[in-house]
Amino acid sequence: MLLIFFATPGFVAMLTDPKERAKPLFESMGLGLMYKIGQEAIAFLIPTLIVIGLIAALFLLRDKAFENRRLWNARAARRDMPRILGIFVAGALAMLGAAWALATYTDIMSFTTGDGRTISAFLRLPREAPIILIFIAIGYPWFSCYPQEITHRAYFFHRYEPLMSTPWLIATNTLAFGWLHAPFWSIEALALTLPGGLLFAWTYHRTQSTLAVTIEHALYGWWAFFTGLGWFVFAGSIGT
C-alpha cells in the first residue's frame, strides 16, 4: 500500500516539480537521462492511468475472494443516486461560491497565456469554450474517473479492508486519493481532492459500487471544470 499509493505518486511528483529540485540528485547518481525521460513520460499520464486501472481490474477479476459485481453494481448505484445528487447540489453551490471568491479577492484563478495575456479561469469554459465541457462530460468519467475508482476504491478496499477498521480505512483511502494529486504541486488541488476523496470513499463503502462512485466523481470533476477550479487538477497544468 505504501509503495503503490504513496511512494509512487511521491516519485512522480519529484519528476513534475516545476522548480526541478530533484534534478541535481538524479544527476549526481548518474540518472539524469532517467529524470529527463520521466519528465517527458508525464505527457502520457492519462493512457498510463487507464492501463493501471485495467491491470487492477484484471487482478480483482482473478481474485476469487473479490465480488466481481463491485466493479459495476448498477443496482446499488441507482439506489444511492438520490443521496449522491442531493449532496452534489449542496457541494456544487459551495464550489461555485469558492471559485467566485477566489477569482474576486485573489489572483489564484488567474493565469498567463502563451501570448502574455492574463486570463481568469472562473467560468471560462462555459463562457468561451462550452464544447469542451461536452467532451469532458463524455470522456472524463470513463478515461479518468473510472480507472481511478478501480484502483483507489475497488482495489484499495478489497486489499486493505481486512487490515483496519472502517474509520481508518476511509481515512487512509482519503489520504491516498489526495496524495495521488501530489504531482500537481498545488495546495488547491489537495484542497479539492481531500474532501472529494472522503466523500467518494464513504460512497463506495456504502454501495460497494464502482459505478456509483464513478458517477459521483464525474459530477464533481465536471463541475470543477465548469467553475474554473478544474484548472488545479487538469493534467495539462502538471509541471506549471
Protein backbone atom coordinates (compact mmCIF):
# COMPACT_ATOMS: atom_id res chain seq x y z
CA MET A 1 0.00 0.00 0.00
CA LEU A 2 2.78 2.44 0.90
CA LEU A 3 4.65 1.63 -2.30
CA ILE A 4 1.68 1.79 -4.70
CA PHE A 5 -0.42 4.58 -3.22
CA PHE A 6 2.12 6.84 -1.53
CA ALA A 7 5.69 6.27 -2.74
CA THR A 8 4.77 6.12 -6.44
CA PRO A 9 2.86 9.44 -6.55
CA GLY A 10 5.68 10.96 -4.50
CA PHE A 11 8.24 9.77 -7.04
CA VAL A 12 6.16 11.16 -9.91
CA ALA A 13 5.89 14.46 -8.01
CA MET A 14 9.69 14.64 -7.92
CA LEU A 15 9.67 14.48 -11.72
CA THR A 16 6.94 17.10 -12.12
CA ASP A 17 8.32 19.65 -9.67
CA PRO A 18 8.30 23.00 -11.58
CA LYS A 19 11.48 24.01 -9.72
CA GLU A 20 13.21 20.71 -10.58
CA ARG A 21 14.64 20.36 -7.08
CA ALA A 22 15.24 16.63 -7.55
CA LYS A 23 17.19 17.04 -10.79
CA PRO A 24 20.63 17.51 -9.13
CA LEU A 25 20.02 14.39 -7.04
CA PHE A 26 19.27 12.27 -10.12
CA GLU A 27 22.27 13.72 -11.98
CA SER A 28 24.60 13.08 -9.02
CA MET A 29 23.62 9.38 -9.21
CA GLY A 30 24.12 9.26 -12.97
CA LEU A 31 20.39 9.12 -13.59
CA GLY A 32 20.00 12.40 -15.46
CA LEU A 33 18.68 10.61 -18.57
CA MET A 34 16.13 8.73 -16.47
CA TYR A 35 14.96 12.02 -15.00
CA LYS A 36 14.54 13.54 -18.46
CA ILE A 37 12.66 10.50 -19.79
CA GLY A 38 10.41 10.55 -16.72
CA GLN A 39 9.54 14.18 -17.27
CA GLU A 40 8.63 13.54 -20.91
CA ALA A 41 6.56 10.48 -19.94
CA ILE A 42 4.19 12.71 -17.95
CA ALA A 43 2.57 13.58 -21.29
CA PHE A 44 1.18 10.02 -21.28
CA LEU A 45 -0.40 10.33 -17.84
CA ILE A 46 -3.98 9.52 -18.90
CA PRO A 47 -3.05 6.44 -21.00
CA THR A 48 -0.91 5.26 -18.09
CA LEU A 49 -3.83 5.76 -15.70
CA ILE A 50 -6.07 3.68 -17.98
CA VAL A 51 -3.52 0.86 -18.21
CA ILE A 52 -3.04 0.77 -14.43
CA GLY A 53 -6.82 0.68 -13.98
CA LEU A 54 -7.06 -2.27 -16.38
CA ILE A 55 -4.29 -4.13 -14.55
CA ALA A 56 -6.04 -3.56 -11.21
CA ALA A 57 -9.35 -4.73 -12.69
CA LEU A 58 -7.76 -7.91 -14.06
CA PHE A 59 -6.15 -8.57 -10.68
CA LEU A 60 -9.53 -8.23 -8.97
CA LEU A 61 -11.33 -10.41 -11.51
CA ARG A 62 -8.77 -13.19 -10.99
CA ASP A 63 -9.12 -12.98 -7.21
CA LYS A 64 -11.79 -15.48 -6.15
CA ALA A 65 -12.33 -13.57 -2.91
CA PHE A 66 -13.45 -10.46 -4.83
CA GLU A 67 -17.13 -9.96 -5.72
CA ASN A 68 -16.98 -9.05 -9.40
CA ARG A 69 -20.24 -7.11 -9.23
CA ARG A 70 -18.40 -4.40 -7.25
CA LEU A 71 -16.71 -3.25 -10.46
CA TRP A 72 -20.12 -2.05 -11.66
CA ASN A 73 -23.15 -2.82 -9.42
CA ALA A 74 -25.71 -0.64 -11.24
CA ARG A 75 -28.49 -1.65 -8.85
CA ALA A 76 -26.68 -0.20 -5.84
CA ALA A 77 -25.79 2.91 -7.87
CA ARG A 78 -29.47 3.54 -8.73
CA ARG A 79 -30.48 3.02 -5.12
CA ASP A 80 -27.96 5.55 -3.83
CA MET A 81 -28.44 8.14 -6.58
CA PRO A 82 -30.89 10.40 -4.65
CA ARG A 83 -28.33 10.80 -1.87
CA ILE A 84 -25.48 11.37 -4.33
CA LEU A 85 -27.42 14.02 -6.25
CA GLY A 86 -28.69 15.73 -3.10
CA ILE A 87 -25.20 16.14 -1.68
CA PHE A 88 -23.91 17.20 -5.10
CA VAL A 89 -26.35 20.13 -5.28
CA ALA A 90 -25.01 21.49 -1.99
CA GLY A 91 -21.42 20.76 -2.97
CA ALA A 92 -21.83 22.40 -6.39
CA LEU A 93 -23.12 25.62 -4.81
CA ALA A 94 -20.19 25.62 -2.37
CA MET A 95 -17.68 25.09 -5.20
CA LEU A 96 -19.22 27.86 -7.27
CA GLY A 97 -19.07 30.23 -4.31
CA ALA A 98 -15.46 29.28 -3.59
CA ALA A 99 -14.44 29.80 -7.22
CA TRP A 100 -16.16 33.21 -7.31
CA ALA A 101 -14.46 34.29 -4.06
CA LEU A 102 -11.04 33.16 -5.26
CA ALA A 103 -11.48 34.94 -8.59
CA THR A 104 -12.79 38.12 -6.94
CA TYR A 105 -10.46 38.51 -3.98
CA THR A 106 -7.27 36.70 -5.04
CA ASP A 107 -5.22 36.08 -8.17
CA ILE A 108 -5.21 32.30 -7.69
CA MET A 109 -7.67 31.79 -10.53
CA SER A 110 -5.62 33.89 -12.97
CA PHE A 111 -3.00 32.51 -15.34
CA THR A 112 -0.87 33.81 -18.16
CA THR A 113 -1.31 32.51 -21.70
CA GLY A 114 1.47 31.90 -24.19
CA ASP A 115 0.98 35.31 -25.76
CA GLY A 116 1.31 37.09 -22.41
CA ARG A 117 -2.38 37.70 -21.70
CA THR A 118 -3.71 37.27 -18.15
CA ILE A 119 -6.96 35.32 -18.08
CA SER A 120 -9.28 34.30 -15.25
CA ALA A 121 -10.22 30.63 -15.12
CA PHE A 122 -13.53 31.44 -13.39
CA LEU A 123 -16.36 30.19 -15.65
CA ARG A 124 -14.00 30.41 -18.60
CA LEU A 125 -15.12 27.18 -20.29
CA PRO A 126 -18.87 27.90 -20.28
CA ARG A 127 -18.14 31.46 -21.47
CA GLU A 128 -15.56 30.74 -24.15
CA ALA A 129 -15.48 27.02 -24.97
CA PRO A 130 -18.70 25.23 -23.96
CA ILE A 131 -17.97 22.48 -26.48
CA ILE A 132 -15.04 21.41 -24.31
CA LEU A 133 -17.44 20.83 -21.43
CA ILE A 134 -19.39 18.45 -23.65
CA PHE A 135 -16.24 16.48 -24.48
CA ILE A 136 -15.31 16.40 -20.78
CA ALA A 137 -18.77 15.09 -19.90
CA ILE A 138 -18.34 12.28 -22.43
CA GLY A 139 -14.73 11.26 -21.88
CA TYR A 140 -13.80 12.26 -18.34
CA PRO A 141 -15.96 9.67 -16.49
CA TRP A 142 -14.53 6.70 -18.39
CA PHE A 143 -10.94 7.70 -19.17
CA SER A 144 -10.14 9.34 -15.81
CA CYS A 145 -12.74 8.72 -13.10
CA TYR A 146 -13.43 5.03 -13.66
CA PRO A 147 -9.75 3.94 -13.71
CA GLN A 148 -9.12 5.98 -10.55
CA GLU A 149 -12.11 4.42 -8.81
CA ILE A 150 -10.97 0.92 -9.75
CA THR A 151 -7.53 1.50 -8.23
CA HIS A 152 -8.40 3.77 -5.31
CA ARG A 153 -11.73 2.31 -4.29
CA ALA A 154 -12.39 -1.23 -5.58
CA TYR A 155 -8.77 -2.42 -5.38
CA PHE A 156 -7.87 -0.41 -2.28
CA PHE A 157 -10.90 -1.50 -0.25
CA HIS A 158 -10.59 -5.15 -1.30
CA ARG A 159 -6.91 -5.36 -0.44
CA TYR A 160 -6.77 -3.40 2.79
CA GLU A 161 -10.23 -3.67 4.35
CA PRO A 162 -9.15 -6.72 6.40
CA LEU A 163 -6.23 -4.74 7.87
CA MET A 164 -8.05 -1.89 9.59
CA SER A 165 -11.36 -0.68 10.97
CA THR A 166 -13.77 1.22 8.72
CA PRO A 167 -12.89 4.73 10.01
CA TRP A 168 -9.16 4.09 9.50
CA LEU A 169 -9.78 2.52 6.10
CA ILE A 170 -11.78 5.53 4.89
CA ALA A 171 -9.27 7.99 6.35
CA THR A 172 -6.30 6.20 4.75
CA ASN A 173 -8.13 5.96 1.43
CA THR A 174 -8.90 9.69 1.57
CA LEU A 175 -5.23 10.49 2.09
CA ALA A 176 -4.19 8.13 -0.70
CA PHE A 177 -6.61 9.77 -3.14
CA GLY A 178 -5.46 13.24 -2.18
CA TRP A 179 -1.80 12.24 -2.44
CA LEU A 180 -2.47 10.87 -5.94
CA HIS A 181 -2.62 14.54 -6.95
CA ALA A 182 0.77 15.43 -5.42
CA PRO A 183 2.32 15.73 -8.94
CA PHE A 184 0.25 18.89 -9.45
CA TRP A 185 2.32 20.68 -6.77
CA SER A 186 -0.78 22.64 -5.80
CA ILE A 187 -2.32 23.24 -2.39
CA GLU A 188 -5.56 23.99 -4.24
CA ALA A 189 -5.52 20.51 -5.82
CA LEU A 190 -5.20 18.91 -2.39
CA ALA A 191 -7.94 21.19 -1.00
CA LEU A 192 -10.25 19.91 -3.74
CA THR A 193 -9.35 16.24 -3.69
CA LEU A 194 -9.18 15.53 0.05
CA PRO A 195 -12.87 16.29 0.76
CA GLY A 196 -13.74 14.65 -2.55
CA GLY A 197 -11.77 11.57 -1.57
CA LEU A 198 -13.57 11.38 1.77
CA LEU A 199 -16.96 11.58 0.07
CA PHE A 200 -16.07 9.02 -2.60
CA ALA A 201 -14.63 6.60 -0.04
CA TRP A 202 -17.81 6.83 2.02
CA THR A 203 -19.97 6.28 -1.08
CA TYR A 204 -18.02 3.19 -2.10
CA HIS A 205 -18.18 1.82 1.44
CA ARG A 206 -21.97 2.33 1.44
CA THR A 207 -22.71 0.98 -2.03
CA GLN A 208 -19.87 -1.41 -2.92
CA SER A 209 -20.42 0.01 -6.42
CA THR A 210 -17.59 1.37 -8.56
CA LEU A 211 -20.23 2.75 -10.94
CA ALA A 212 -21.86 4.81 -8.17
CA VAL A 213 -18.61 6.39 -7.07
CA THR A 214 -17.53 6.95 -10.69
CA ILE A 215 -20.73 8.91 -11.34
CA GLU A 216 -20.20 10.93 -8.17
CA HIS A 217 -16.55 11.59 -9.04
CA ALA A 218 -17.53 12.62 -12.57
CA LEU A 219 -20.21 15.04 -11.34
CA TYR A 220 -17.81 16.93 -9.07
CA GLY A 221 -14.98 16.80 -11.59
CA TRP A 222 -17.13 18.15 -14.42
CA TRP A 223 -18.46 20.90 -12.18
CA ALA A 224 -14.91 21.80 -11.17
CA PHE A 225 -14.08 22.36 -14.84
CA PHE A 226 -17.31 24.35 -15.27
CA THR A 227 -16.46 26.73 -12.42
CA GLY A 228 -12.77 27.00 -13.28
CA LEU A 229 -11.50 25.06 -10.27
CA GLY A 230 -10.68 22.22 -12.64
CA TRP A 231 -7.54 24.12 -13.66
CA PHE A 232 -5.88 22.88 -10.47
CA VAL A 233 -6.48 19.20 -11.35
CA PHE A 234 -6.08 19.45 -15.13
CA ALA A 235 -3.35 17.13 -16.42
CA GLY A 236 -2.09 19.91 -18.69
CA SER A 237 -1.23 22.05 -15.66
CA ILE A 238 1.23 19.50 -14.28
CA GLY A 239 4.73 20.95 -14.17
CA THR A 240 3.50 24.56 -14.41
